[in-house]
Amino acid sequence: MGEGDRMKHEAEEAKGKAKEKIGEVTDNEQAQAEGASEQAKSKLKKAGDKLKDAGEEARDAFKR
């Protein structure tokens, strides 16, 4: 996973956390749900990147 992707996913997760907190403070259930959804999507992207990295490492191990 590239550093750019990792930073992008971290920023997306932070944005989701902020949106969720704003929803809690303002009692806006839609904002809370959107924030939680953005966090979940970011975590899935990070998991996918980790899986991709593991696959690349395994492939490289067999090339040696």
PDB file of N, CA and C in Angstrom:
ATOM      1  N   MET A   1       0.847  -1.165   0.000  1.00  0.00           N
ATOM      2  CA  MET A   1       0.000   0.000   0.000  1.00  0.00           C
ATOM      3  C   MET A   1       0.890   1.224   0.000  1.00  0.00           C
ATOM      4  N   GLY A   2       0.581   2.148  -0.834  1.00  0.00           N
ATOM      5  CA  GLY A   2       1.368   3.361  -0.887  1.00  0.00           C
ATOM      6  C   GLY A   2       1.064   4.284   0.281  1.00  0.00           C
ATOM      7  N   GLU A   3       2.048   5.106   0.591  1.00  0.00           N
ATOM      8  CA  GLU A   3       1.871   6.062   1.691  1.00  0.00           C
ATOM      9  C   GLU A   3       0.703   6.997   1.404  1.00  0.00           C
ATOM     10  N   GLY A   4       0.549   7.385   0.152  1.00  0.00           N
ATOM     11  CA  GLY A   4      -0.548   8.275  -0.223  1.00  0.00           C
ATOM     12  C   GLY A   4      -1.907   7.659   0.059  1.00  0.00           C
ATOM     13  N   ASP A   5      -2.040   6.378  -0.276  1.00  0.00           N
ATOM     14  CA  ASP A   5      -3.301   5.684  -0.012  1.00  0.00           C
ATOM     15  C   ASP A   5      -3.574   5.602   1.482  1.00  0.00           C
ATOM     16  N   ARG A   6      -2.544   5.289   2.243  1.00  0.00           N
ATOM     17  CA  ARG A   6      -2.718   5.144   3.685  1.00  0.00           C
ATOM     18  C   ARG A   6      -3.149   6.472   4.301  1.00  0.00           C
ATOM     19  N   MET A   7      -2.499   7.539   3.886  1.00  0.00           N
ATOM     20  CA  MET A   7      -2.849   8.857   4.410  1.00  0.00           C
ATOM     21  C   MET A   7      -4.266   9.254   4.002  1.00  0.00           C
ATOM     22  N   LYS A   8      -4.631   8.917   2.783  1.00  0.00           N
ATOM     23  CA  LYS A   8      -5.975   9.227   2.291  1.00  0.00           C
ATOM     24  C   LYS A   8      -7.023   8.490   3.118  1.00  0.00           C
ATOM     25  N   HIS A   9      -6.774   7.214   3.397  1.00  0.00           N
ATOM     26  CA  HIS A   9      -7.729   6.427   4.175  1.00  0.00           C
ATOM     27  C   HIS A   9      -7.811   6.918   5.618  1.00  0.00           C
ATOM     28  N   GLU A  10      -6.677   7.320   6.179  1.00  0.00           N
ATOM     29  CA  GLU A  10      -6.680   7.871   7.540  1.00  0.00           C
ATOM     30  C   GLU A  10      -7.486   9.170   7.586  1.00  0.00           C
ATOM     31  N   ALA A  11      -7.319  10.009   6.564  1.00  0.00           N
ATOM     32  CA  ALA A  11      -8.065  11.266   6.505  1.00  0.00           C
ATOM     33  C   ALA A  11      -9.560  11.004   6.367  1.00  0.00           C
ATOM     34  N   GLU A  12      -9.925  10.014   5.553  1.00  0.00           N
ATOM     35  CA  GLU A  12     -11.340   9.667   5.391  1.00  0.00           C
ATOM     36  C   GLU A  12     -11.932   9.191   6.712  1.00  0.00           C
ATOM     37  N   GLU A  13     -11.158   8.389   7.448  1.00  0.00           N
ATOM     38  CA  GLU A  13     -11.644   7.892   8.727  1.00  0.00           C
ATOM     39  C   GLU A  13     -11.804   9.040   9.723  1.00  0.00           C
ATOM     40  N   ALA A  14     -10.847   9.963   9.741  1.00  0.00           N
ATOM     41  CA  ALA A  14     -10.933  11.117  10.646  1.00  0.00           C
ATOM     42  C   ALA A  14     -12.141  11.985  10.300  1.00  0.00           C
ATOM     43  N   LYS A  15     -12.383  12.150   9.022  1.00  0.00           N
ATOM     44  CA  LYS A  15     -13.541  12.932   8.574  1.00  0.00           C
ATOM     45  C   LYS A  15     -14.836  12.274   9.050  1.00  0.00           C
ATOM     46  N   GLY A  16     -14.889  10.955   8.941  1.00  0.00           N
ATOM     47  CA  GLY A  16     -16.069  10.226   9.399  1.00  0.00           C
ATOM     48  C   GLY A  16     -16.272  10.362  10.897  1.00  0.00           C
ATOM     49  N   LYS A  17     -15.182  10.293  11.657  1.00  0.00           N
ATOM     50  CA  LYS A  17     -15.274  10.458  13.116  1.00  0.00           C
ATOM     51  C   LYS A  17     -15.791  11.836  13.466  1.00  0.00           C
ATOM     52  N   ALA A  18     -15.266  12.852  12.777  1.00  0.00           N
ATOM     53  CA  ALA A  18     -15.705  14.223  13.035  1.00  0.00           C
ATOM     54  C   ALA A  18     -17.180  14.386  12.713  1.00  0.00           C
ATOM     55  N   LYS A  19     -17.593  13.840  11.577  1.00  0.00           N
ATOM     56  CA  LYS A  19     -18.998  13.956  11.184  1.00  0.00           C
ATOM     57  C   LYS A  19     -19.905  13.252  12.183  1.00  0.00           C
ATOM     58  N   GLU A  20     -19.466  12.095  12.663  1.00  0.00           N
ATOM     59  CA  GLU A  20     -20.249  11.355  13.640  1.00  0.00           C
ATOM     60  C   GLU A  20     -20.372  12.156  14.947  1.00  0.00           C
ATOM     61  N   LYS A  21     -19.266  12.738  15.403  1.00  0.00           N
ATOM     62  CA  LYS A  21     -19.291  13.543  16.638  1.00  0.00           C
ATOM     63  C   LYS A  21     -20.181  14.771  16.481  1.00  0.00           C
ATOM     64  N   ILE A  22     -20.098  15.428  15.331  1.00  0.00           N
ATOM     65  CA  ILE A  22     -20.960  16.591  15.083  1.00  0.00           C
ATOM     66  C   ILE A  22     -22.422  16.164  15.137  1.00  0.00           C
ATOM     67  N   GLY A  23     -22.719  15.007  14.574  1.00  0.00           N
ATOM     68  CA  GLY A  23     -24.079  14.484  14.623  1.00  0.00           C
ATOM     69  C   GLY A  23     -24.534  14.224  16.045  1.00  0.00           C
ATOM     70  N   GLU A  24     -23.621  13.719  16.876  1.00  0.00           N
ATOM     71  CA  GLU A  24     -23.965  13.466  18.279  1.00  0.00           C
ATOM     72  C   GLU A  24     -24.256  14.769  19.012  1.00  0.00           C
ATOM     73  N   VAL A  25     -23.404  15.765  18.795  1.00  0.00           N
ATOM     74  CA  VAL A  25     -23.553  17.048  19.487  1.00  0.00           C
ATOM     75  C   VAL A  25     -24.835  17.763  19.053  1.00  0.00           C
ATOM     76  N   THR A  26     -25.134  17.697  17.761  1.00  0.00           N
ATOM     77  CA  THR A  26     -26.304  18.399  17.232  1.00  0.00           C
ATOM     78  C   THR A  26     -27.553  17.530  17.234  1.00  0.00           C
ATOM     79  N   ASP A  27     -27.439  16.318  17.728  1.00  0.00           N
ATOM     80  CA  ASP A  27     -28.548  15.353  17.751  1.00  0.00           C
ATOM     81  C   ASP A  27     -29.097  15.091  16.345  1.00  0.00           C
ATOM     82  N   ASN A  28     -28.157  14.967  15.394  1.00  0.00           N
ATOM     83  CA  ASN A  28     -28.501  14.716  13.999  1.00  0.00           C
ATOM     84  C   ASN A  28     -28.154  13.263  13.681  1.00  0.00           C
ATOM     85  N   GLU A  29     -29.179  12.432  13.658  1.00  0.00           N
ATOM     86  CA  GLU A  29     -28.947  11.002  13.441  1.00  0.00           C
ATOM     87  C   GLU A  29     -28.389  10.706  12.057  1.00  0.00           C
ATOM     88  N   GLN A  30     -28.787  11.492  11.067  1.00  0.00           N
ATOM     89  CA  GLN A  30     -28.286  11.261   9.712  1.00  0.00           C
ATOM     90  C   GLN A  30     -26.780  11.513   9.649  1.00  0.00           C
ATOM     91  N   ALA A  31     -26.323  12.585  10.267  1.00  0.00           N
ATOM     92  CA  ALA A  31     -24.882  12.886  10.273  1.00  0.00           C
ATOM     93  C   ALA A  31     -24.121  11.799  11.030  1.00  0.00           C
ATOM     94  N   GLN A  32     -24.699  11.307  12.113  1.00  0.00           N
ATOM     95  CA  GLN A  32     -24.061  10.228  12.873  1.00  0.00           C
ATOM     96  C   GLN A  32     -23.912   8.989  11.990  1.00  0.00           C
ATOM     97  N   ALA A  33     -24.979   8.649  11.287  1.00  0.00           N
ATOM     98  CA  ALA A  33     -24.947   7.459  10.439  1.00  0.00           C
ATOM     99  C   ALA A  33     -23.959   7.633   9.286  1.00  0.00           C
ATOM    100  N   GLU A  34     -23.943   8.812   8.683  1.00  0.00           N
ATOM    101  CA  GLU A  34     -23.004   9.059   7.583  1.00  0.00           C
ATOM    102  C   GLU A  34     -21.563   8.974   8.072  1.00  0.00           C
ATOM    103  N   GLY A  35     -21.313   9.527   9.251  1.00  0.00           N
ATOM    104  CA  GLY A  35     -19.962   9.471   9.810  1.00  0.00           C
ATOM    105  C   GLY A  35     -19.523   8.046  10.085  1.00  0.00           C
ATOM    106  N   ALA A  36     -20.421   7.261  10.656  1.00  0.00           N
ATOM    107  CA  ALA A  36     -20.107   5.856  10.933  1.00  0.00           C
ATOM    108  C   ALA A  36     -19.864   5.096   9.628  1.00  0.00           C
ATOM    109  N   SER A  37     -20.661   5.405   8.621  1.00  0.00           N
ATOM    110  CA  SER A  37     -20.515   4.751   7.321  1.00  0.00           C
ATOM    111  C   SER A  37     -19.169   5.096   6.680  1.00  0.00           C
ATOM    112  N   GLU A  38     -18.782   6.372   6.755  1.00  0.00           N
ATOM    113  CA  GLU A  38     -17.498   6.787   6.187  1.00  0.00           C
ATOM    114  C   GLU A  38     -16.338   6.097   6.900  1.00  0.00           C
ATOM    115  N   GLN A  39     -16.452   5.945   8.206  1.00  0.00           N
ATOM    116  CA  GLN A  39     -15.399   5.256   8.960  1.00  0.00           C
ATOM    117  C   GLN A  39     -15.315   3.793   8.534  1.00  0.00           C
ATOM    118  N   ALA A  40     -16.462   3.143   8.381  1.00  0.00           N
ATOM    119  CA  ALA A  40     -16.477   1.735   7.992  1.00  0.00           C
ATOM    120  C   ALA A  40     -15.873   1.550   6.602  1.00  0.00           C
ATOM    121  N   LYS A  41     -16.224   2.445   5.665  1.00  0.00           N
ATOM    122  CA  LYS A  41     -15.668   2.344   4.317  1.00  0.00           C
ATOM    123  C   LYS A  41     -14.155   2.507   4.337  1.00  0.00           C
ATOM    124  N   SER A  42     -13.680   3.443   5.139  1.00  0.00           N
ATOM    125  CA  SER A  42     -12.241   3.673   5.237  1.00  0.00           C
ATOM    126  C   SER A  42     -11.532   2.442   5.802  1.00  0.00           C
ATOM    127  N   LYS A  43     -12.131   1.837   6.823  1.00  0.00           N
ATOM    128  CA  LYS A  43     -11.528   0.646   7.418  1.00  0.00           C
ATOM    129  C   LYS A  43     -11.503  -0.511   6.428  1.00  0.00           C
ATOM    130  N   LEU A  44     -12.547  -0.644   5.620  1.00  0.00           N
ATOM    131  CA  LEU A  44     -12.561  -1.697   4.594  1.00  0.00           C
ATOM    132  C   LEU A  44     -11.472  -1.458   3.553  1.00  0.00           C
ATOM    133  N   LYS A  45     -11.302  -0.203   3.168  1.00  0.00           N
ATOM    134  CA  LYS A  45     -10.249   0.120   2.198  1.00  0.00           C
ATOM    135  C   LYS A  45      -8.872  -0.216   2.761  1.00  0.00           C
ATOM    136  N   LYS A  46      -8.661   0.108   4.031  1.00  0.00           N
ATOM    137  CA  LYS A  46      -7.372  -0.198   4.656  1.00  0.00           C
ATOM    138  C   LYS A  46      -7.154  -1.709   4.731  1.00  0.00           C
ATOM    139  N   ALA A  47      -8.217  -2.458   5.040  1.00  0.00           N
ATOM    140  CA  ALA A  47      -8.099  -3.920   5.093  1.00  0.00           C
ATOM    141  C   ALA A  47      -7.767  -4.477   3.711  1.00  0.00           C
ATOM    142  N   GLY A  48      -8.396  -3.931   2.691  1.00  0.00           N
ATOM    143  CA  GLY A  48      -8.111  -4.359   1.323  1.00  0.00           C
ATOM    144  C   GLY A  48      -6.675  -4.079   0.933  1.00  0.00           C
ATOM    145  N   ASP A  49      -6.181  -2.927   1.339  1.00  0.00           N
ATOM    146  CA  ASP A  49      -4.789  -2.583   1.047  1.00  0.00           C
ATOM    147  C   ASP A  49      -3.824  -3.537   1.750  1.00  0.00           C
ATOM    148  N   LYS A  50      -4.146  -3.895   2.993  1.00  0.00           N
ATOM    149  CA  LYS A  50      -3.285  -4.836   3.726  1.00  0.00           C
ATOM    150  C   LYS A  50      -3.289  -6.198   3.042  1.00  0.00           C
ATOM    151  N   LEU A  51      -4.444  -6.629   2.573  1.00  0.00           N
ATOM    152  CA  LEU A  51      -4.541  -7.908   1.875  1.00  0.00           C
ATOM    153  C   LEU A  51      -3.740  -7.861   0.573  1.00  0.00           C
ATOM    154  N   LYS A  52      -3.834  -6.754  -0.127  1.00  0.00           N
ATOM    155  CA  LYS A  52      -3.071  -6.593  -1.365  1.00  0.00           C
ATOM    156  C   LYS A  52      -1.570  -6.659  -1.078  1.00  0.00           C
ATOM    157  N   ASP A  53      -1.145  -5.971  -0.013  1.00  0.00           N
ATOM    158  CA  ASP A  53       0.272  -5.997   0.358  1.00  0.00           C
ATOM    159  C   ASP A  53       0.731  -7.410   0.704  1.00  0.00           C
ATOM    160  N   ALA A  54      -0.104  -8.143   1.438  1.00  0.00           N
ATOM    161  CA  ALA A  54       0.256  -9.515   1.812  1.00  0.00           C
ATOM    162  C   ALA A  54       0.382 -10.392   0.568  1.00  0.00           C
ATOM    163  N   GLY A  55      -0.522 -10.202  -0.378  1.00  0.00           N
ATOM    164  CA  GLY A  55      -0.445 -10.963  -1.622  1.00  0.00           C
ATOM    165  C   GLY A  55       0.809 -10.650  -2.408  1.00  0.00           C
ATOM    166  N   GLU A  56       1.180  -9.379  -2.450  1.00  0.00           N
ATOM    167  CA  GLU A  56       2.395  -8.987  -3.164  1.00  0.00           C
ATOM    168  C   GLU A  56       3.634  -9.553  -2.488  1.00  0.00           C
ATOM    169  N   GLU A  57       3.632  -9.556  -1.154  1.00  0.00           N
ATOM    170  CA  GLU A  57       4.780 -10.119  -0.415  1.00  0.00           C
ATOM    171  C   GLU A  57       4.896 -11.620  -0.670  1.00  0.00           C
ATOM    172  N   ALA A  58       3.762 -12.299  -0.693  1.00  0.00           N
ATOM    173  CA  ALA A  58       3.789 -13.751  -0.947  1.00  0.00           C
ATOM    174  C   ALA A  58       4.286 -14.023  -2.356  1.00  0.00           C
ATOM    175  N   ARG A  59       3.824 -13.231  -3.309  1.00  0.00           N
ATOM    176  CA  ARG A  59       4.270 -13.393  -4.699  1.00  0.00           C
ATOM    177  C   ARG A  59       5.772 -13.167  -4.799  1.00  0.00           C
ATOM    178  N   ASP A  60       6.250 -12.126  -4.132  1.00  0.00           N
ATOM    179  CA  ASP A  60       7.680 -11.823  -4.186  1.00  0.00           C
ATOM    180  C   ASP A  60       8.511 -12.917  -3.522  1.00  0.00           C
ATOM    181  N   ALA A  61       7.969 -13.546  -2.495  1.00  0.00           N
ATOM    182  CA  ALA A  61       8.696 -14.618  -1.809  1.00  0.00           C
ATOM    183  C   ALA A  61       8.901 -15.812  -2.735  1.00  0.00           C
ATOM    184  N   PHE A  62       7.924 -16.064  -3.620  1.00  0.00           N
ATOM    185  CA  PHE A  62       8.050 -17.194  -4.542  1.00  0.00           C
ATOM    186  C   PHE A  62       8.946 -16.868  -5.729  1.00  0.00           C
ATOM    187  N   LYS A  63       9.163 -15.608  -5.995  1.00  0.00           N
ATOM    188  CA  LYS A  63      10.036 -15.214  -7.108  1.00  0.00           C
ATOM    189  C   LYS A  63      11.499 -15.447  -6.791  1.00  0.00           C
ATOM    190  N   ARG A  64      11.831 -15.494  -5.517  1.00  0.00           N
ATOM    191  CA  ARG A  64      13.236 -15.626  -5.116  1.00  0.00           C
ATOM    192  C   ARG A  64      13.762 -16.974  -5.339  1.00  0.00           C
TER     193      ARG A  64
END
